[in-house]
Amino acid sequence: MHHSRYRRLVATAVATAIAALLLLTACGSPEEEGSVSLASSQDDVYAALDRYQQAKSTGSRRDILATLTPDSPQRQFYAGSDEDFDITREALNIAKYRLEFIKRRDLTIDDTEATFYADSAETRSDTSEDGTPSTTIRPGILIEVKRRVDGTWLVHDVVSQRRQADRELGITVPGQPN
């Protein structure tokens, strides 16, 4: 009898272990679940910046505004009419204007906000004498992104190093976002 009881205990232990492994495989461990969520949020945050840079490069005024939070300080730059912006967009298209955020780093993310740094690469042909496109790199741009109630991420602000320093010193410049 002792032998059969031992076999039943071993069989129960093996069955329990298999069930636990199957459950973990189906549901994932808490660590895996969190990392998938973080990776997903990181992808969503970077996708928000991708939409912003695409709109800035080729989009209309409304395309750009659609990538910004309602309280974004960047909105002041698009306060004019669609028609006025169309003139600006035409000049940018002639200049082969393109904006790209490269070397994204130092992402800090929580439920509703994310911040990280990137270098901006602005390419345009109207800054050279022969019309050849040239690129200006601006390092250390602070990107602030916020999550809306519906779960989508939008760019809140794009802060140059100078504006970052002004913020730290409490300096406000009229006509410029803080």
Foldseek 3Di string as FASTA:
>chain_A
DVVVVVVVVVVVVVVVVVVVVVVCVVPPDPVVVVVVVVVVVVVLQVVLVVQLQVCVQQNFLVSNVVQEDPQALVCLVSPDDSVVRVVVNVVSVLFNWGKDWADWDDWDDDDWKIKTWTKIWIWTQVVDPVSDIDIDIQGTWIWMWTADPVGHIHTRYTHGPVNVVCVVVVHDDPPGDD
